[in-house]
Structures are given as structure tokens and as C-alpha cells.
């Protein structure tokens, strides 16, 4: 029995997650916040996300601080998974280049189709998807805030809509780049 299908499966799943998480890590940066929001409080909040007392000093309420800290924890998980996946794909590329390249190509095609479908879903049902996303990642419920809360003022809904479409464009662009590189 060949282990090739096993490796293909591992590399395809890793490639899929690499294609999804790489753009996310780019967007979770102070540079992106500066370019999109240009709001002094958003940058200040980003710089002290791990420091609840400093967030409180900026005027954020305890529930808002708890939500921001949950976001930081999720981003830490994503960064760790991204690093592990990069190592797995790097080892695969070094030891089984053809197999890894084929898995990356398949994952790019799959992610491209999924991204287009998800983009259409977001266009049609932004509110429902946004709420479902938050219920899934923050089941304790500390994600809903009044429109006049400092967190919503600092990171308004149009920012999240723009961020999603920039994220989607980066994912789709990365997929297309992988498919283009496969040709050469």
C-alpha cells in the first residue's frame, strides 16, 4: 500500500490552510490598520492589545477589552498553525516536491472555487454571515456592542466589510499565483 495518498491529503489540507491564513496575517497588522482606518485609536488599541489596563486607559470598557483579548488569542492560534503548516509544506517541498506541488495546485483550485462562492454568500448575506462568524468564534457572546461603543466607533462595520473583500482578493490572488506558477 502506497503512502502517497496519505501525503497528498496532508499536503492538500496544509496548503488549503496556508492559502487561507497567509492573507489573514497580513491584514492583522498595524500597517493595514493605518492604511484602512487611519484612526489614531485603532493603532493605539492594536499596540496594547495584550495589555488590558492600557486598553482601559484608552477608554475601552471591560467587555470590549475581553473581546479584543479573545481576538488576540485567535490570532495567536492562527500564527502558530501557519508556522507549523509552513514547516510541513517546506519539508514536503524539500522531500517530495512533485507531490507537494500537486497538492498545492489542487488546494489552490479548491480554495479559488470556495472563495468565489463564499464571496457571493457574503455579498448576499453580510449580516447573517458576520453574526454566524462571531457566534462560532466567540460563543461566550462578548462580541455584540451598541453602535456608540468605543470598539464599534474604532472598528466600524464598513471597515470589516472592506477587510473581508481585501482578504478575499488576497486569497484569490494567492490561489491564482499558485496556479500560474504551476505552469512554469
N, C-alpha and C. Protein backbone atom coordinates (compact mmCIF):
# COMPACT_ATOMS: atom_id res chain seq x y z
N UNK A 1 0.84 -1.19 0.00
CA UNK A 1 0.00 0.00 0.00
C UNK A 1 0.88 1.25 0.00
N UNK A 2 0.58 2.17 -0.86
CA UNK A 2 1.37 3.38 -1.02
C UNK A 2 0.95 4.44 0.00
N UNK A 3 1.93 5.19 0.47
CA UNK A 3 1.62 6.28 1.39
C UNK A 3 1.36 7.59 0.65
N UNK A 4 1.48 7.55 -0.68
CA UNK A 4 1.30 8.77 -1.47
C UNK A 4 -0.06 9.44 -1.23
N UNK A 5 -1.19 8.71 -1.25
CA UNK A 5 -2.47 9.39 -0.99
C UNK A 5 -2.51 10.05 0.40
N UNK A 6 -1.87 9.41 1.37
CA UNK A 6 -1.82 9.99 2.71
C UNK A 6 -1.08 11.32 2.68
N UNK A 7 0.11 11.33 2.07
CA UNK A 7 0.88 12.57 1.96
C UNK A 7 0.14 13.62 1.15
N UNK A 8 -0.50 13.20 0.08
CA UNK A 8 -1.26 14.16 -0.73
C UNK A 8 -2.35 14.81 0.10
N UNK A 9 -3.04 14.01 0.89
CA UNK A 9 -4.09 14.55 1.75
C UNK A 9 -3.54 15.54 2.76
N UNK A 10 -2.45 15.16 3.41
CA UNK A 10 -1.82 16.05 4.40
C UNK A 10 -1.39 17.36 3.74
N UNK A 11 -0.70 17.24 2.60
CA UNK A 11 -0.20 18.44 1.93
C UNK A 11 -1.34 19.29 1.37
N UNK A 12 -2.41 18.65 0.94
CA UNK A 12 -3.53 19.43 0.40
C UNK A 12 -4.22 20.22 1.52
N UNK A 13 -4.46 19.58 2.65
CA UNK A 13 -5.08 20.27 3.78
C UNK A 13 -4.18 21.40 4.27
N UNK A 14 -2.89 21.11 4.38
CA UNK A 14 -1.94 22.16 4.81
C UNK A 14 -1.91 23.31 3.81
N UNK A 15 -1.90 22.98 2.54
CA UNK A 15 -1.88 24.02 1.50
C UNK A 15 -3.14 24.88 1.57
N UNK A 16 -4.28 24.24 1.77
CA UNK A 16 -5.55 24.95 1.89
C UNK A 16 -5.48 25.97 3.04
N UNK A 17 -5.02 25.51 4.19
CA UNK A 17 -4.93 26.41 5.34
C UNK A 17 -3.87 27.49 5.14
N UNK A 18 -2.79 27.17 4.45
CA UNK A 18 -1.77 28.17 4.15
C UNK A 18 -2.35 29.28 3.27
N UNK A 19 -3.12 28.87 2.26
CA UNK A 19 -3.74 29.85 1.36
C UNK A 19 -4.74 30.74 2.09
N UNK A 20 -5.40 30.18 3.10
CA UNK A 20 -6.40 30.96 3.85
C UNK A 20 -5.78 31.84 4.93
N UNK A 21 -4.71 31.36 5.56
CA UNK A 21 -4.18 32.10 6.71
C UNK A 21 -3.14 33.15 6.35
N UNK A 22 -2.41 32.95 5.27
CA UNK A 22 -1.37 33.93 4.92
C UNK A 22 -1.94 35.34 4.73
N UNK A 23 -3.01 35.52 3.95
CA UNK A 23 -3.57 36.87 3.82
C UNK A 23 -4.12 37.41 5.14
N UNK A 24 -4.67 36.53 5.97
CA UNK A 24 -5.21 36.97 7.26
C UNK A 24 -4.11 37.59 8.11
N UNK A 25 -2.93 36.97 8.10
CA UNK A 25 -1.83 37.50 8.90
C UNK A 25 -1.36 38.86 8.37
N UNK A 26 -1.46 39.06 7.07
CA UNK A 26 -1.12 40.37 6.51
C UNK A 26 -2.10 41.45 7.00
N UNK A 27 -3.37 41.07 7.07
CA UNK A 27 -4.40 42.05 7.46
C UNK A 27 -4.40 42.32 8.96
N UNK A 28 -3.86 41.40 9.74
CA UNK A 28 -3.81 41.59 11.19
C UNK A 28 -2.52 42.31 11.56
N UNK A 29 -2.30 43.43 10.92
CA UNK A 29 -1.05 44.17 11.14
C UNK A 29 -1.35 45.66 11.30
N UNK A 30 -0.46 46.37 11.97
CA UNK A 30 -0.67 47.81 12.12
C UNK A 30 -0.63 48.55 10.78
N UNK A 31 0.11 48.03 9.82
CA UNK A 31 0.19 48.67 8.51
C UNK A 31 -1.20 48.70 7.86
N UNK A 32 -1.90 47.56 7.90
CA UNK A 32 -3.23 47.50 7.30
C UNK A 32 -4.19 48.46 8.02
N UNK A 33 -4.13 48.48 9.35
CA UNK A 33 -5.00 49.40 10.10
C UNK A 33 -4.72 50.85 9.72
N UNK A 34 -3.46 51.19 9.58
CA UNK A 34 -3.09 52.56 9.22
C UNK A 34 -3.62 52.91 7.83
N UNK A 35 -3.50 51.97 6.89
CA UNK A 35 -3.95 52.23 5.53
C UNK A 35 -5.46 52.34 5.42
N UNK A 36 -6.18 51.54 6.17
CA UNK A 36 -7.63 51.49 6.01
C UNK A 36 -8.38 52.43 6.95
N UNK A 37 -7.98 52.46 8.20
CA UNK A 37 -8.72 53.27 9.17
C UNK A 37 -8.13 54.66 9.37
N UNK A 38 -6.82 54.71 9.42
CA UNK A 38 -6.13 55.96 9.72
C UNK A 38 -6.77 56.65 10.92
N UNK A 39 -7.13 55.84 11.91
CA UNK A 39 -7.78 56.30 13.13
C UNK A 39 -6.77 56.12 14.26
N UNK A 40 -6.36 57.17 14.94
CA UNK A 40 -5.30 57.03 15.95
C UNK A 40 -5.62 56.01 17.03
N UNK A 41 -6.89 55.88 17.38
CA UNK A 41 -7.26 54.94 18.43
C UNK A 41 -7.10 53.50 17.97
N UNK A 42 -7.35 53.21 16.69
CA UNK A 42 -7.22 51.83 16.22
C UNK A 42 -5.77 51.37 16.31
N UNK A 43 -4.84 52.24 15.96
CA UNK A 43 -3.42 51.88 16.07
C UNK A 43 -3.00 51.77 17.53
N UNK A 44 -3.46 52.68 18.35
CA UNK A 44 -3.14 52.63 19.78
C UNK A 44 -3.69 51.34 20.39
N UNK A 45 -4.91 50.97 20.02
CA UNK A 45 -5.51 49.74 20.54
C UNK A 45 -4.71 48.53 20.08
N UNK A 46 -4.30 48.52 18.82
CA UNK A 46 -3.52 47.39 18.29
C UNK A 46 -2.21 47.23 19.07
N UNK A 47 -1.58 48.34 19.40
CA UNK A 47 -0.28 48.28 20.06
C UNK A 47 -0.36 47.79 21.49
N UNK A 48 -1.52 47.87 22.11
CA UNK A 48 -1.64 47.44 23.51
C UNK A 48 -2.68 46.33 23.68
N UNK A 49 -2.93 45.56 22.63
CA UNK A 49 -3.97 44.52 22.71
C UNK A 49 -3.74 43.54 23.86
N UNK A 50 -2.51 43.26 24.18
CA UNK A 50 -2.21 42.30 25.26
C UNK A 50 -2.13 42.96 26.63
N UNK A 51 -2.47 44.23 26.72
CA UNK A 51 -2.34 44.96 27.98
C UNK A 51 -3.69 45.58 28.37
N UNK A 52 -4.51 44.81 29.10
CA UNK A 52 -5.86 45.27 29.43
C UNK A 52 -5.92 46.63 30.13
N UNK A 53 -4.97 46.91 31.01
CA UNK A 53 -5.01 48.19 31.72
C UNK A 53 -4.80 49.36 30.77
N UNK A 54 -3.93 49.18 29.81
CA UNK A 54 -3.71 50.26 28.83
C UNK A 54 -4.91 50.42 27.91
N UNK A 55 -5.57 49.31 27.57
CA UNK A 55 -6.80 49.41 26.77
C UNK A 55 -7.87 50.17 27.55
N UNK A 56 -7.97 49.88 28.84
CA UNK A 56 -8.93 50.59 29.68
C UNK A 56 -8.57 52.08 29.73
N UNK A 57 -7.29 52.37 29.76
CA UNK A 57 -6.83 53.76 29.76
C UNK A 57 -7.20 54.50 28.49
N UNK A 58 -7.36 53.76 27.39
CA UNK A 58 -7.79 54.37 26.13
C UNK A 58 -9.30 54.61 26.12
N UNK A 59 -10.01 54.03 27.09
CA UNK A 59 -11.44 54.24 27.18
C UNK A 59 -12.29 53.02 26.84
N UNK A 60 -11.66 51.89 26.54
CA UNK A 60 -12.43 50.69 26.23
C UNK A 60 -13.03 50.11 27.50
N UNK A 61 -14.25 49.62 27.40
CA UNK A 61 -14.95 49.00 28.52
C UNK A 61 -14.48 47.57 28.71
N UNK A 62 -14.71 46.97 29.89
CA UNK A 62 -14.25 45.61 30.15
C UNK A 62 -14.72 44.58 29.11
N UNK A 63 -15.96 44.67 28.66
CA UNK A 63 -16.46 43.71 27.66
C UNK A 63 -15.72 43.89 26.33
N UNK A 64 -15.42 45.13 25.98
CA UNK A 64 -14.68 45.39 24.74
C UNK A 64 -13.25 44.86 24.85
N UNK A 65 -12.65 45.05 26.01
CA UNK A 65 -11.30 44.55 26.25
C UNK A 65 -11.28 43.03 26.18
N UNK A 66 -12.28 42.39 26.78
CA UNK A 66 -12.36 40.93 26.74
C UNK A 66 -12.46 40.44 25.30
N UNK A 67 -13.25 41.12 24.49
CA UNK A 67 -13.38 40.72 23.09
C UNK A 67 -12.05 40.90 22.35
N UNK A 68 -11.39 42.02 22.56
CA UNK A 68 -10.10 42.25 21.90
C UNK A 68 -9.07 41.20 22.32
N UNK A 69 -9.10 40.79 23.57
CA UNK A 69 -8.17 39.76 24.02
C UNK A 69 -8.51 38.40 23.42
N UNK A 70 -9.80 38.13 23.23
CA UNK A 70 -10.19 36.90 22.53
C UNK A 70 -9.67 36.90 21.10
N UNK A 71 -9.75 38.05 20.45
CA UNK A 71 -9.23 38.18 19.08
C UNK A 71 -7.72 37.90 19.07
N UNK A 72 -7.02 38.44 20.05
CA UNK A 72 -5.57 38.21 20.14
C UNK A 72 -5.28 36.72 20.29
N UNK A 73 -6.06 36.03 21.12
CA UNK A 73 -5.85 34.58 21.30
C UNK A 73 -6.08 33.83 19.99
N UNK A 74 -7.14 34.19 19.27
CA UNK A 74 -7.41 33.53 17.98
C UNK A 74 -6.27 33.78 17.00
N UNK A 75 -5.78 35.00 16.96
CA UNK A 75 -4.67 35.31 16.05
C UNK A 75 -3.41 34.55 16.44
N UNK A 76 -3.19 34.35 17.73
CA UNK A 76 -2.03 33.56 18.16
C UNK A 76 -2.15 32.12 17.69
N UNK A 77 -3.35 31.56 17.76
CA UNK A 77 -3.58 30.20 17.26
C UNK A 77 -3.32 30.14 15.75
N UNK A 78 -3.83 31.12 15.02
CA UNK A 78 -3.63 31.16 13.57
C UNK A 78 -2.15 31.27 13.24
N UNK A 79 -1.43 32.12 13.94
CA UNK A 79 0.02 32.27 13.69
C UNK A 79 0.77 30.97 13.95
N UNK A 80 0.42 30.29 15.04
CA UNK A 80 1.08 29.02 15.37
C UNK A 80 0.78 27.97 14.30
N UNK A 81 -0.50 27.85 13.92
CA UNK A 81 -0.87 26.90 12.87
C UNK A 81 -0.16 27.23 11.56
N UNK A 82 -0.09 28.51 11.23
CA UNK A 82 0.58 28.94 10.00
C UNK A 82 2.04 28.50 10.01
N UNK A 83 2.71 28.70 11.14
CA UNK A 83 4.11 28.32 11.25
C UNK A 83 4.29 26.81 11.10
N UNK A 84 3.45 26.04 11.75
CA UNK A 84 3.51 24.57 11.64
C UNK A 84 3.28 24.15 10.20
N UNK A 85 2.30 24.75 9.56
CA UNK A 85 1.97 24.40 8.17
C UNK A 85 3.11 24.77 7.22
N UNK A 86 3.72 25.92 7.44
CA UNK A 86 4.86 26.32 6.60
C UNK A 86 5.98 25.29 6.75
N UNK A 87 6.22 24.83 7.96
CA UNK A 87 7.27 23.82 8.17
C UNK A 87 6.91 22.52 7.46
N UNK A 88 5.66 22.07 7.60
CA UNK A 88 5.23 20.83 6.94
C UNK A 88 5.36 20.95 5.43
N UNK A 89 4.89 22.05 4.87
CA UNK A 89 4.97 22.23 3.42
C UNK A 89 6.43 22.38 2.98
N UNK A 90 7.22 23.07 3.78
CA UNK A 90 8.65 23.20 3.46
C UNK A 90 9.35 21.86 3.43
N UNK A 91 9.09 21.03 4.42
CA UNK A 91 9.67 19.69 4.44
C UNK A 91 9.16 18.88 3.26
N UNK A 92 7.87 19.00 2.99
CA UNK A 92 7.29 18.29 1.84
C UNK A 92 7.89 18.75 0.53
N UNK A 93 8.08 20.04 0.41
CA UNK A 93 8.67 20.60 -0.82
C UNK A 93 10.09 20.08 -1.00
N UNK A 94 10.80 19.97 0.09
CA UNK A 94 12.19 19.53 0.04
C UNK A 94 12.29 18.03 -0.24
N UNK A 95 11.38 17.23 0.34
CA UNK A 95 11.47 15.77 0.21
C UNK A 95 10.59 15.20 -0.90
N UNK A 96 9.47 15.80 -1.15
CA UNK A 96 8.52 15.29 -2.14
C UNK A 96 7.95 16.45 -2.94
N UNK A 97 8.79 17.07 -3.70
CA UNK A 97 8.42 18.31 -4.40
C UNK A 97 7.21 18.13 -5.32
N UNK A 98 7.23 17.13 -6.16
CA UNK A 98 6.11 16.94 -7.11
C UNK A 98 4.79 16.74 -6.39
N UNK A 99 4.84 15.89 -5.38
CA UNK A 99 3.63 15.59 -4.62
C UNK A 99 3.11 16.86 -3.91
N UNK A 100 4.01 17.61 -3.32
CA UNK A 100 3.62 18.84 -2.63
C UNK A 100 3.09 19.87 -3.61
N UNK A 101 3.74 19.98 -4.76
CA UNK A 101 3.28 20.94 -5.77
C UNK A 101 1.89 20.56 -6.29
N UNK A 102 1.67 19.27 -6.50
CA UNK A 102 0.35 18.82 -6.97
C UNK A 102 -0.72 19.12 -5.91
N UNK A 103 -0.39 18.88 -4.65
CA UNK A 103 -1.34 19.15 -3.57
C UNK A 103 -1.62 20.65 -3.46
N UNK A 104 -0.59 21.46 -3.60
CA UNK A 104 -0.76 22.91 -3.54
C UNK A 104 -1.65 23.39 -4.69
N UNK A 105 -1.45 22.82 -5.87
CA UNK A 105 -2.27 23.19 -7.03
C UNK A 105 -3.73 22.80 -6.81
N UNK A 106 -3.96 21.59 -6.32
CA UNK A 106 -5.34 21.16 -6.04
C UNK A 106 -5.98 22.05 -4.97
N UNK A 107 -5.21 22.35 -3.94
CA UNK A 107 -5.74 23.21 -2.87
C UNK A 107 -6.06 24.60 -3.41
N UNK A 108 -5.23 25.11 -4.31
CA UNK A 108 -5.48 26.43 -4.89
C UNK A 108 -6.76 26.43 -5.71
N UNK A 109 -6.99 25.37 -6.48
CA UNK A 109 -8.23 25.27 -7.27
C UNK A 109 -9.44 25.19 -6.35
N UNK A 110 -9.34 24.37 -5.32
CA UNK A 110 -10.43 24.21 -4.36
C UNK A 110 -10.71 25.53 -3.64
N UNK A 111 -9.65 26.19 -3.17
CA UNK A 111 -9.79 27.45 -2.44
C UNK A 111 -10.34 28.55 -3.33
N UNK A 112 -9.93 28.55 -4.58
CA UNK A 112 -10.44 29.53 -5.54
C UNK A 112 -11.96 29.39 -5.70
N UNK A 113 -12.42 28.17 -5.90
CA UNK A 113 -13.86 27.93 -6.02
C UNK A 113 -14.61 28.26 -4.75
N UNK A 114 -14.05 27.83 -3.63
CA UNK A 114 -14.68 28.10 -2.34
C UNK A 114 -14.72 29.61 -2.07
N UNK A 115 -13.64 30.30 -2.39
CA UNK A 115 -13.56 31.75 -2.17
C UNK A 115 -14.59 32.51 -2.98
N UNK A 116 -14.75 32.12 -4.24
CA UNK A 116 -15.74 32.79 -5.09
C UNK A 116 -17.14 32.55 -4.53
N UNK A 117 -17.42 31.32 -4.14
CA UNK A 117 -18.73 31.01 -3.56
C UNK A 117 -18.98 31.75 -2.26
N UNK A 118 -17.96 31.79 -1.41
CA UNK A 118 -18.11 32.48 -0.13
C UNK A 118 -18.25 33.98 -0.34
N UNK A 119 -17.54 34.52 -1.32
CA UNK A 119 -17.67 35.95 -1.64
C UNK A 119 -19.09 36.30 -2.04
N UNK A 120 -19.70 35.45 -2.85
CA UNK A 120 -21.10 35.68 -3.25
C UNK A 120 -22.03 35.59 -2.04
N UNK A 121 -21.76 34.62 -1.18
CA UNK A 121 -22.56 34.47 0.04
C UNK A 121 -22.48 35.73 0.90
N UNK A 122 -21.28 36.27 1.05
CA UNK A 122 -21.09 37.49 1.83
C UNK A 122 -21.82 38.67 1.19
N UNK A 123 -21.73 38.78 -0.13
CA UNK A 123 -22.43 39.87 -0.81
C UNK A 123 -23.92 39.83 -0.55
N UNK A 124 -24.48 38.64 -0.54
CA UNK A 124 -25.92 38.49 -0.37
C UNK A 124 -26.37 38.52 1.09
N UNK A 125 -25.54 38.00 1.98
CA UNK A 125 -25.97 37.82 3.37
C UNK A 125 -24.92 38.30 4.37
N UNK A 126 -24.41 39.52 4.18
CA UNK A 126 -23.34 40.02 5.04
C UNK A 126 -23.69 39.91 6.52
N UNK A 127 -24.82 40.43 6.94
CA UNK A 127 -25.17 40.45 8.37
C UNK A 127 -25.25 39.06 8.96
N UNK A 128 -25.90 38.14 8.26
CA UNK A 128 -26.05 36.79 8.79
C UNK A 128 -24.70 36.09 8.91
N UNK A 129 -23.85 36.25 7.91
CA UNK A 129 -22.53 35.61 7.95
C UNK A 129 -21.67 36.24 9.05
N UNK A 130 -21.71 37.55 9.18
CA UNK A 130 -20.94 38.25 10.21
C UNK A 130 -21.35 37.77 11.60
N UNK A 131 -22.65 37.67 11.82
CA UNK A 131 -23.15 37.21 13.12
C UNK A 131 -22.78 35.75 13.36
N UNK A 132 -22.96 34.91 12.36
CA UNK A 132 -22.61 33.48 12.50
C UNK A 132 -21.12 33.30 12.79
N UNK A 133 -20.29 34.06 12.09
CA UNK A 133 -18.84 34.01 12.31
C UNK A 133 -18.52 34.33 13.77
N UNK A 134 -19.12 35.39 14.28
CA UNK A 134 -18.84 35.79 15.66
C UNK A 134 -19.41 34.80 16.67
N UNK A 135 -20.56 34.25 16.40
CA UNK A 135 -21.12 33.24 17.30
C UNK A 135 -20.25 31.99 17.35
N UNK A 136 -19.66 31.65 16.22
CA UNK A 136 -18.79 30.47 16.16
C UNK A 136 -17.48 30.71 16.92
N UNK A 137 -16.83 31.84 16.68
CA UNK A 137 -15.52 32.09 17.28
C UNK A 137 -15.58 32.66 18.70
N UNK A 138 -16.70 33.29 19.04
CA UNK A 138 -16.83 33.93 20.35
C UNK A 138 -18.15 33.49 20.99
N UNK A 139 -18.28 32.19 21.31
CA UNK A 139 -19.56 31.67 21.81
C UNK A 139 -19.98 32.25 23.16
N UNK A 140 -19.05 32.83 23.90
CA UNK A 140 -19.41 33.42 25.19
C UNK A 140 -20.23 34.69 25.03
N UNK A 141 -20.32 35.20 23.79
CA UNK A 141 -21.22 36.32 23.49
C UNK A 141 -20.66 37.71 23.69
N UNK A 142 -19.36 37.84 23.91
CA UNK A 142 -18.80 39.18 24.15
C UNK A 142 -18.38 39.85 22.84
N UNK A 143 -19.23 39.78 21.85
CA UNK A 143 -18.89 40.37 20.55
C UNK A 143 -19.93 41.38 20.05
N UNK A 144 -21.05 41.47 20.70
CA UNK A 144 -22.11 42.40 20.27
C UNK A 144 -22.06 43.65 21.15
N UNK A 145 -21.92 44.80 20.49
CA UNK A 145 -21.79 46.06 21.21
C UNK A 145 -22.72 47.09 20.59
N UNK A 146 -23.17 48.07 21.39
CA UNK A 146 -24.01 49.13 20.82
C UNK A 146 -23.22 49.96 19.80
N UNK A 147 -23.94 50.58 18.90
CA UNK A 147 -23.31 51.35 17.82
C UNK A 147 -22.44 52.49 18.33
N UNK A 148 -22.74 52.99 19.53
CA UNK A 148 -21.95 54.10 20.06
C UNK A 148 -20.80 53.65 20.96
N UNK A 149 -20.55 52.34 21.01
CA UNK A 149 -19.43 51.85 21.84
C UNK A 149 -18.11 52.22 21.18
N UNK A 150 -17.10 52.38 22.00
CA UNK A 150 -15.79 52.78 21.50
C UNK A 150 -15.22 51.75 20.52
N UNK A 151 -15.48 50.48 20.78
CA UNK A 151 -14.97 49.44 19.89
C UNK A 151 -15.58 49.55 18.50
N UNK A 152 -16.87 49.79 18.43
CA UNK A 152 -17.55 49.92 17.13
C UNK A 152 -17.15 51.22 16.44
N UNK A 153 -16.97 52.27 17.20
CA UNK A 153 -16.52 53.54 16.61
C UNK A 153 -15.10 53.39 16.05
N UNK A 154 -14.26 52.67 16.79
CA UNK A 154 -12.87 52.48 16.37
C UNK A 154 -12.77 51.55 15.17
N UNK A 155 -13.55 50.49 15.18
CA UNK A 155 -13.55 49.50 14.10
C UNK A 155 -14.98 49.37 13.55
N UNK A 156 -15.44 50.31 12.75
CA UNK A 156 -16.83 50.31 12.27
C UNK A 156 -17.10 49.20 11.25
N UNK A 157 -18.37 48.92 11.05
CA UNK A 157 -18.77 47.84 10.13
C UNK A 157 -18.21 48.01 8.72
N UNK A 158 -18.21 49.20 8.14
CA UNK A 158 -17.61 49.32 6.80
C UNK A 158 -16.14 48.87 6.74
N UNK A 159 -15.42 49.06 7.85
CA UNK A 159 -14.04 48.57 7.91
C UNK A 159 -14.01 47.06 7.76
N UNK A 160 -14.93 46.36 8.43
CA UNK A 160 -14.95 44.90 8.37
C UNK A 160 -15.40 44.42 7.00
N UNK A 161 -16.32 45.13 6.38
CA UNK A 161 -16.72 44.76 5.02
C UNK A 161 -15.55 44.92 4.05
N UNK A 162 -14.87 46.04 4.13
CA UNK A 162 -13.69 46.26 3.28
C UNK A 162 -12.63 45.20 3.57
N UNK A 163 -12.39 44.94 4.84
CA UNK A 163 -11.38 43.95 5.22
C UNK A 163 -11.71 42.58 4.65
N UNK A 164 -12.97 42.19 4.70
CA UNK A 164 -13.32 40.89 4.14
C UNK A 164 -13.01 40.84 2.65
N UNK A 165 -13.38 41.87 1.93
CA UNK A 165 -13.15 41.84 0.48
C UNK A 165 -11.67 41.97 0.12
N UNK A 166 -10.91 42.69 0.91
CA UNK A 166 -9.46 42.72 0.70
C UNK A 166 -8.88 41.34 0.98
N UNK A 167 -9.34 40.72 2.07
CA UNK A 167 -8.90 39.36 2.41
C UNK A 167 -9.23 38.40 1.28
N UNK A 168 -10.46 38.46 0.80
CA UNK A 168 -10.88 37.57 -0.28
C UNK A 168 -10.04 37.81 -1.54
N UNK A 169 -9.79 39.06 -1.86
CA UNK A 169 -8.96 39.37 -3.04
C UNK A 169 -7.55 38.82 -2.87
N UNK A 170 -7.00 38.92 -1.66
CA UNK A 170 -5.66 38.37 -1.41
C UNK A 170 -5.65 36.85 -1.52
N UNK A 171 -6.66 36.20 -0.96
CA UNK A 171 -6.74 34.73 -1.05
C UNK A 171 -6.85 34.30 -2.51
N UNK A 172 -7.78 34.92 -3.24
CA UNK A 172 -7.96 34.55 -4.65
C UNK A 172 -6.71 34.87 -5.47
N UNK A 173 -6.09 36.00 -5.19
CA UNK A 173 -4.85 36.35 -5.89
C UNK A 173 -3.74 35.36 -5.60
N UNK A 174 -3.63 34.93 -4.36
CA UNK A 174 -2.62 33.93 -3.99
C UNK A 174 -2.89 32.61 -4.70
N UNK A 175 -4.15 32.22 -4.77
CA UNK A 175 -4.52 30.99 -5.49
C UNK A 175 -4.15 31.10 -6.97
N UNK A 176 -4.48 32.22 -7.57
CA UNK A 176 -4.13 32.41 -8.98
C UNK A 176 -2.62 32.42 -9.19
N UNK A 177 -1.89 32.99 -8.26
CA UNK A 177 -0.43 32.98 -8.35
C UNK A 177 0.12 31.56 -8.29
N UNK A 178 -0.42 30.75 -7.39
CA UNK A 178 -0.01 29.34 -7.29
C UNK A 178 -0.29 28.63 -8.60
N UNK A 179 -1.48 28.85 -9.16
CA UNK A 179 -1.84 28.18 -10.42
C UNK A 179 -0.98 28.68 -11.58
N UNK A 180 -0.65 29.95 -11.57
CA UNK A 180 0.21 30.50 -12.61
C UNK A 180 1.64 29.93 -12.50
N UNK A 181 2.14 29.86 -11.28
CA UNK A 181 3.49 29.32 -11.06
C UNK A 181 3.57 27.84 -11.43
N UNK A 182 2.47 27.14 -11.31
CA UNK A 182 2.45 25.71 -11.64
C UNK A 182 2.72 25.51 -13.13
N UNK A 183 2.38 26.48 -13.92
CA UNK A 183 2.58 26.38 -15.37
C UNK A 183 4.04 26.50 -15.77
N UNK A 184 4.86 27.08 -14.91
CA UNK A 184 6.26 27.32 -15.26
C UNK A 184 7.22 26.46 -14.50
